[in-house]
Protein backbone atom coordinates (compact mmCIF):
# COMPACT_ATOMS: atom_id res chain seq x y z
CA UNK A 1 157.13 128.91 146.25
CA UNK A 2 155.27 129.81 143.10
CA UNK A 3 151.63 130.69 143.23
CA UNK A 4 149.25 129.16 140.73
CA UNK A 5 145.62 129.94 140.04
CA UNK A 6 142.78 127.42 140.00
CA UNK A 7 143.24 124.66 137.50
CA UNK A 8 141.08 125.18 134.42
CA UNK A 9 139.73 121.97 132.85
CA UNK A 10 141.07 121.51 129.36
CA UNK A 11 138.74 120.65 126.49
CA UNK A 12 139.98 117.50 124.82
CA UNK A 13 141.53 118.25 121.48
CA UNK A 14 139.44 117.05 118.53
CA UNK A 15 140.53 113.76 117.14
CA UNK A 16 142.40 113.92 113.91
CA UNK A 17 140.37 113.24 110.83
CA UNK A 18 142.49 110.17 110.25
CA UNK A 19 141.21 108.56 113.45
CA UNK A 20 137.87 107.92 111.80
CA UNK A 21 137.41 105.87 108.68
CA UNK A 22 135.18 108.01 106.53
CA UNK A 23 132.96 106.34 103.97
CA UNK A 24 131.95 107.63 100.56
CA UNK A 25 128.46 108.24 101.90
CA UNK A 26 129.99 110.67 104.44
CA UNK A 27 131.68 112.63 101.68
CA UNK A 28 128.44 112.73 99.73
CA UNK A 29 126.54 114.06 102.72
CA UNK A 30 129.14 116.72 103.51
CA UNK A 31 129.43 117.78 99.86
CA UNK A 32 125.67 117.82 99.34
CA UNK A 33 125.82 115.51 96.33
CA UNK A 34 125.02 111.89 95.55
CA UNK A 35 127.33 108.98 96.29
CA UNK A 36 127.64 108.29 92.56
CA UNK A 37 128.78 111.87 91.99
CA UNK A 38 131.49 111.48 94.67
CA UNK A 39 132.58 108.18 93.11
CA UNK A 40 132.85 109.69 89.66
CA UNK A 41 134.56 112.85 90.92
CA UNK A 42 137.25 110.86 92.75
CA UNK A 43 137.91 108.88 89.58
CA UNK A 44 138.06 112.15 87.58
CA UNK A 45 135.11 111.21 85.41
CA UNK A 46 134.78 113.79 82.59
CA UNK A 47 131.01 114.11 83.07
CA UNK A 48 131.51 115.71 86.48
CA UNK A 49 131.97 119.46 86.38
CA UNK A 50 135.60 120.52 87.12
CA UNK A 51 134.61 122.70 90.08
CA UNK A 52 132.65 119.80 91.59
CA UNK A 53 135.58 117.40 91.11
CA UNK A 54 137.96 119.88 92.75
CA UNK A 55 135.64 120.49 95.70
CA UNK A 56 135.21 116.76 96.37
CA UNK A 57 138.95 116.04 96.00
CA UNK A 58 139.74 118.80 98.52
CA UNK A 59 137.11 117.49 100.94
CA UNK A 60 138.52 113.97 100.64
CA UNK A 61 142.05 115.23 101.34
CA UNK A 62 140.89 117.22 104.38
CA UNK A 63 139.34 114.07 105.84
CA UNK A 64 142.27 111.84 104.87
CA UNK A 65 139.80 109.76 102.91
CA UNK A 66 141.41 106.78 101.23
CA UNK A 67 139.75 105.06 98.28
CA UNK A 68 139.19 101.36 98.93
CA UNK A 69 140.58 99.81 95.76
CA UNK A 70 138.36 96.75 96.02
CA UNK A 71 135.24 98.84 96.47
CA UNK A 72 136.36 101.19 93.72
CA UNK A 73 136.72 98.30 91.30
CA UNK A 74 133.24 97.09 92.23
CA UNK A 75 131.82 100.56 91.62
CA UNK A 76 133.56 100.79 88.28
CA UNK A 77 131.80 97.61 87.26
CA UNK A 78 128.44 98.77 88.56
CA UNK A 79 128.41 102.51 87.90
CA UNK A 80 126.90 101.91 84.48
CA UNK A 81 123.91 100.12 86.02
CA UNK A 82 120.61 101.90 86.59
CA UNK A 83 117.91 100.51 88.88
CA UNK A 84 114.46 100.59 87.26
CA UNK A 85 111.89 100.25 90.03
CA UNK A 86 108.28 99.28 89.50
CA UNK A 87 105.92 100.27 92.31
CA UNK A 88 103.36 97.49 92.02
CA UNK A 89 100.81 95.79 94.20
CA UNK A 90 98.43 92.86 93.81
CA UNK A 91 96.26 94.82 91.35
CA UNK A 92 99.00 96.10 89.06
CA UNK A 93 101.73 93.89 87.68
CA UNK A 94 104.88 94.38 85.63
CA UNK A 95 103.07 92.42 82.91
CA UNK A 96 100.65 95.34 82.42
CA UNK A 97 101.00 96.27 78.71
CA UNK A 98 101.63 99.96 79.39
CA UNK A 99 104.33 99.17 81.97
CA UNK A 100 105.98 96.72 79.59
CA UNK A 101 106.02 99.31 76.81
CA UNK A 102 107.60 101.94 79.04
CA UNK A 103 110.17 99.48 80.40
CA UNK A 104 111.06 98.36 76.88
CA UNK A 105 111.75 101.90 75.72
CA UNK A 106 113.75 102.62 78.90
CA UNK A 107 115.86 99.51 78.30
CA UNK A 108 116.50 100.54 74.68
CA UNK A 109 117.44 104.07 75.69
CA UNK A 110 119.80 102.92 78.45
CA UNK A 111 121.44 100.47 76.04
CA UNK A 112 121.95 103.28 73.52
CA UNK A 113 123.71 105.27 76.26
CA UNK A 114 125.97 102.35 77.17
CA UNK A 115 124.13 101.67 80.44
CA UNK A 116 122.86 98.48 82.05
CA UNK A 117 119.47 97.92 83.67
CA UNK A 118 118.55 96.20 86.93
CA UNK A 119 114.77 95.65 87.16
CA UNK A 120 113.35 95.81 90.68
CA UNK A 121 109.83 95.47 92.04
CA UNK A 122 108.93 97.28 95.27
CA UNK A 123 105.67 96.90 97.16
CA UNK A 124 104.37 100.40 98.07
CA UNK A 125 103.64 99.00 101.55
CA UNK A 126 107.40 98.69 102.11
CA UNK A 127 108.85 101.99 100.82
CA UNK A 128 111.97 101.61 102.95
CA UNK A 129 113.34 99.23 100.33
CA UNK A 130 113.24 101.82 97.54
CA UNK A 131 116.86 102.85 98.00
CA UNK A 132 118.35 99.46 98.97
CA UNK A 133 119.96 98.77 95.59
CA UNK A 134 121.52 102.23 95.53
CA UNK A 135 122.72 102.06 99.13
CA UNK A 136 124.37 98.69 98.48
CA UNK A 137 126.21 100.08 95.47
CA UNK A 138 124.40 97.85 92.99
CA UNK A 139 123.17 100.80 90.92
CA UNK A 140 124.28 104.39 90.43
CA UNK A 141 120.81 105.87 89.95
CA UNK A 142 117.10 105.06 90.06
CA UNK A 143 114.24 105.31 87.58
CA UNK A 144 111.01 104.82 89.51
CA UNK A 145 107.83 103.98 87.61
CA UNK A 146 104.81 105.19 89.54
CA UNK A 147 104.25 107.20 92.69
CA UNK A 148 101.51 105.15 94.41
CA UNK A 149 100.93 106.89 97.76
CA UNK A 150 104.62 107.57 98.37
CA UNK A 151 104.95 111.26 97.58
CA UNK A 152 106.54 112.15 100.94
CA UNK A 153 108.86 109.12 100.87
CA UNK A 154 110.06 110.11 97.40
CA UNK A 155 110.68 113.64 98.66
CA UNK A 156 112.81 112.21 101.48
CA UNK A 157 114.88 110.20 99.02
CA UNK A 158 115.51 113.37 97.05
CA UNK A 159 116.82 115.18 100.15
CA UNK A 160 119.37 112.36 100.56
CA UNK A 161 120.88 113.31 97.18
CA UNK A 162 119.96 109.99 95.61
CA UNK A 163 119.89 110.50 91.82
CA UNK A 164 116.42 109.46 90.72
CA UNK A 165 113.70 110.32 88.22
CA UNK A 166 110.07 109.32 88.76
CA UNK A 167 107.45 108.53 86.14
CA UNK A 168 104.34 110.18 87.52
CA UNK A 169 102.47 113.39 88.16
CA UNK A 170 103.94 116.77 89.00
CA UNK A 171 102.14 117.53 92.27
CA UNK A 172 102.33 120.44 94.76
CA UNK A 173 105.38 120.12 96.98
CA UNK A 174 107.36 117.96 94.52
CA UNK A 175 111.06 118.05 95.34
CA UNK A 176 112.05 115.14 93.11
CA UNK A 177 112.19 115.16 89.31
CA UNK A 178 109.17 113.74 87.51
CA UNK A 179 108.46 112.93 83.90
CA UNK A 180 104.81 112.30 83.10
CA UNK A 181 101.90 112.97 80.82
CA UNK A 182 99.46 115.86 81.01
CA UNK A 183 96.95 113.71 82.87
CA UNK A 184 94.44 116.48 83.53
CA UNK A 185 94.23 117.41 79.87
CA UNK A 186 94.00 113.73 78.92
CA UNK A 187 91.02 113.25 81.22
CA UNK A 188 89.43 116.38 79.82
CA UNK A 189 89.88 115.28 76.18
CA UNK A 190 88.44 111.83 76.89
CA UNK A 191 85.35 113.20 78.64
CA UNK A 192 84.80 116.01 76.17
CA UNK A 193 84.81 113.44 73.37
CA UNK A 194 82.19 111.30 75.13
CA UNK A 195 80.03 114.39 75.63
CA UNK A 196 80.36 115.32 71.97
CA UNK A 197 79.22 111.80 71.09
CA UNK A 198 76.01 112.42 73.03
CA UNK A 199 76.85 110.75 76.36
CA UNK A 200 75.34 112.29 79.48
CA UNK A 201 75.54 109.56 82.13
CA UNK A 202 79.29 108.93 82.16
CA UNK A 203 81.08 106.65 84.62
CA UNK A 204 84.64 107.19 85.83
CA UNK A 205 86.89 104.23 86.65
CA UNK A 206 89.97 104.96 88.75
CA UNK A 207 91.38 105.32 92.26
CA UNK A 208 91.91 109.05 92.79
CA UNK A 209 94.30 108.46 95.70
CA UNK A 210 96.92 107.96 92.99
CA UNK A 211 98.27 111.37 91.83
CA UNK A 212 98.01 110.59 88.11
CA UNK A 213 94.46 109.24 88.40
CA UNK A 214 93.41 112.23 90.50
CA UNK A 215 94.51 114.56 87.71
CA UNK A 216 92.62 112.50 85.10
CA UNK A 217 89.54 112.74 87.30
CA UNK A 218 89.96 116.52 87.55
CA UNK A 219 89.93 116.72 83.76
CA UNK A 220 86.82 114.53 83.77
CA UNK A 221 85.08 116.88 86.23
CA UNK A 222 86.12 119.98 84.27
CA UNK A 223 84.62 118.67 81.04
CA UNK A 224 81.39 117.68 82.80
CA UNK A 225 81.18 121.09 84.48
CA UNK A 226 81.56 122.93 81.17
CA UNK A 227 78.64 120.87 79.86
CA UNK A 228 76.54 121.74 82.92
CA UNK A 229 76.63 118.18 84.27
CA UNK A 230 77.45 117.08 87.83
CA UNK A 231 79.31 113.84 88.45
CA UNK A 232 77.10 110.98 89.65
CA UNK A 233 79.00 109.47 92.62
CA UNK A 234 77.30 106.12 92.01
CA UNK A 235 79.10 105.96 88.64
CA UNK A 236 82.58 106.25 90.13
CA UNK A 237 84.43 102.94 90.52
CA UNK A 238 87.48 103.74 92.73
CA UNK A 239 89.81 101.05 91.43
CA UNK A 240 92.61 100.94 88.87
CA UNK A 241 92.01 97.42 87.63
CA UNK A 242 90.08 94.96 89.84
CA UNK A 243 88.61 92.69 87.17
CA UNK A 244 85.98 91.07 89.39
CA UNK A 245 84.87 94.35 90.97
CA UNK A 246 84.54 95.99 87.57
CA UNK A 247 82.48 93.13 86.21
CA UNK A 248 80.18 92.96 89.24
CA UNK A 249 79.65 96.73 89.18
CA UNK A 250 78.77 96.74 85.48
CA UNK A 251 76.33 93.87 86.04
CA UNK A 252 74.75 95.79 88.92
CA UNK A 253 74.28 98.87 86.72
CA UNK A 254 72.61 96.84 84.00
CA UNK A 255 70.44 94.87 86.43
CA UNK A 256 69.23 98.10 88.01
CA UNK A 257 68.47 99.63 84.63
CA UNK A 258 70.91 102.51 85.14
CA UNK A 259 70.98 104.74 82.03
CA UNK A 260 74.78 104.69 81.78
CA UNK A 261 75.82 105.66 78.24
CA UNK A 262 79.55 106.36 78.57
CA UNK A 263 82.62 105.21 80.51
CA UNK A 264 85.99 106.88 80.95
CA UNK A 265 88.44 104.36 82.38
CA UNK A 266 91.77 105.60 83.72
CA UNK A 267 93.66 102.72 82.10
CA UNK A 268 93.23 100.66 78.94
CA UNK A 269 93.30 97.41 80.91
CA UNK A 270 90.29 98.60 82.93
CA UNK A 271 88.58 99.89 79.76
CA UNK A 272 88.93 96.54 77.99
CA UNK A 273 87.49 94.79 81.05
CA UNK A 274 84.54 97.20 81.00
CA UNK A 275 83.90 96.54 77.30
CA UNK A 276 83.90 92.79 77.94
CA UNK A 277 81.64 93.13 81.00
CA UNK A 278 79.16 95.32 79.11
CA UNK A 279 78.98 92.82 76.25
CA UNK A 280 78.44 89.97 78.72
CA UNK A 281 75.61 91.97 80.34
CA UNK A 282 73.91 92.55 76.98
CA UNK A 283 74.88 96.21 76.52
CA UNK A 284 76.48 96.83 73.13
CA UNK A 285 79.63 98.94 72.71
CA UNK A 286 79.50 101.54 71.20
CA UNK A 287 75.81 101.44 70.20
CA UNK A 288 74.48 101.68 73.77
CA UNK A 289 77.57 102.56 75.82
CA UNK A 290 80.70 104.31 74.59
CA UNK A 291 84.05 103.60 76.26
CA UNK A 292 87.34 105.51 76.37
CA UNK A 293 90.54 104.28 78.00
CA UNK A 294 93.89 105.80 78.90
CA UNK A 295 97.44 104.76 77.82
CA UNK A 296 96.83 103.66 74.19
CA UNK A 297 98.52 100.29 74.58
CA UNK A 298 99.27 98.40 71.36
CA UNK A 299 96.41 95.97 72.01
CA UNK A 300 93.87 98.83 71.88
CA UNK A 301 93.87 98.98 68.09
CA UNK A 302 93.47 95.21 67.64
CA UNK A 303 90.42 94.64 69.87
CA UNK A 304 86.88 94.42 68.58
CA UNK A 305 85.64 97.03 68.86
CA UNK A 306 88.98 98.82 68.76
CA UNK A 307 89.47 101.00 71.83
CA UNK A 308 89.44 104.79 71.88
CA UNK A 309 92.22 105.87 74.23
CA UNK A 310 94.34 108.77 75.48
CA UNK A 311 97.85 108.18 74.23
CA UNK A 312 100.81 108.47 76.60
CA UNK A 313 104.08 108.91 74.64
CA UNK A 314 106.18 106.14 76.20
CA UNK A 315 109.11 106.55 73.80
CA UNK A 316 109.46 110.24 74.57
CA UNK A 317 108.98 109.46 78.26
CA UNK A 318 111.84 106.95 78.31
CA UNK A 319 114.19 109.36 76.55
CA UNK A 320 113.32 112.18 78.96
CA UNK A 321 113.72 109.97 82.05
CA UNK A 322 117.07 108.52 81.04
CA UNK A 323 118.45 111.90 79.93
CA UNK A 324 117.52 113.54 83.24
CA UNK A 325 118.89 110.70 85.33
CA UNK A 326 122.25 110.79 83.56
CA UNK A 327 122.42 114.54 84.20
CA UNK A 328 121.68 114.00 87.90
CA UNK A 329 124.32 111.27 88.11
CA UNK A 330 126.80 113.76 86.67
CA UNK A 331 126.07 116.34 89.35
CA UNK A 332 123.76 118.60 87.35
CA UNK A 333 120.34 119.87 88.37
CA UNK A 334 117.28 119.05 86.27
CA UNK A 335 113.66 120.09 86.02
CA UNK A 336 110.53 117.99 85.70
CA UNK A 337 108.84 117.54 82.33
CA UNK A 338 105.20 117.15 81.35
CA UNK A 339 104.48 115.41 78.05
CA UNK A 340 101.51 116.05 75.77
CA UNK A 341 98.61 113.61 75.65
CA UNK A 342 96.54 112.87 72.55
CA UNK A 343 93.09 111.33 72.11
CA UNK A 344 93.10 108.45 69.62
CA UNK A 345 89.50 107.88 68.49
CA UNK A 346 88.51 104.33 67.49
CA UNK A 347 85.39 102.19 67.31
CA UNK A 348 84.54 101.93 71.03
CA UNK A 349 83.30 105.51 71.20
CA UNK A 350 82.17 106.36 67.69
CA UNK A 351 78.53 107.07 67.00
CA UNK A 352 76.80 105.02 64.32
CA UNK A 353 76.55 108.06 62.03
CA UNK A 354 80.33 108.72 62.07
């Protein structure tokens, strides 16, 4: 009789890779790249770096990953489509002149690169839908216009290797790529100009919870501080647009005899509303109150009085956003870019003697 020792439980052998049907999203996660990069690498797209293509091909072979021909054909049709997402709420619409200008330049730039555009609107209250079009394979990358209050959500999207570029402010802790204007300097230039024109009781219009507006407000505060002036909290209207609120606030200032003599509005749409409200309340622009906006929309130069504004270079912005997104979609890393702002002086802020 043979003697045997105690029976040792055997650990089940790992299942072969072929027993699981891996998806392209699995390869992307394991490779640390985007799904679009995996797709292009497996189809030997020339824009993908050779070492990246080789690494993804080897990973696919090790997992016995098989390309679904039907899905591949769908991706080939859609991989030239970019999702352009507008983060808008009830107070800001796609029809905003600045947004339309930026979208128009983005569309032109994508067309010049042989790309298609899918325009999407996402309510900031439902950030979970930001990546839906990408996850469903409808687009191969995202251009997001605006940050709203979604800084952390945008960071999370970045960690999922979703190729995206955001129009907005470069803020502390940014992981995602942004293209935006030098908002702080723009706010400083606008306020410094009003001070040079003799204004001392200057109102600020804008919701500083938005990263871009917060930076414009910081420039506003810096210019006031250099002039030895403290901000009057009663002259801060914390809205971006809000036509009725702006008009009622202006009327309240006039009715109370407030010595307001200047307004820096964080958007041209708000600035034009302020000009109209001041005129309706019997305060002349620029004789009694000088007004500066931000964006320099085309309409600014055609109003009466024409609107002084901080120019955001939308053409350069579109080129920078599209260029960076295409690099990300090809597996490259990119850096954020800050664009210069310029004060365009017109009638709404000029003194009578100039």
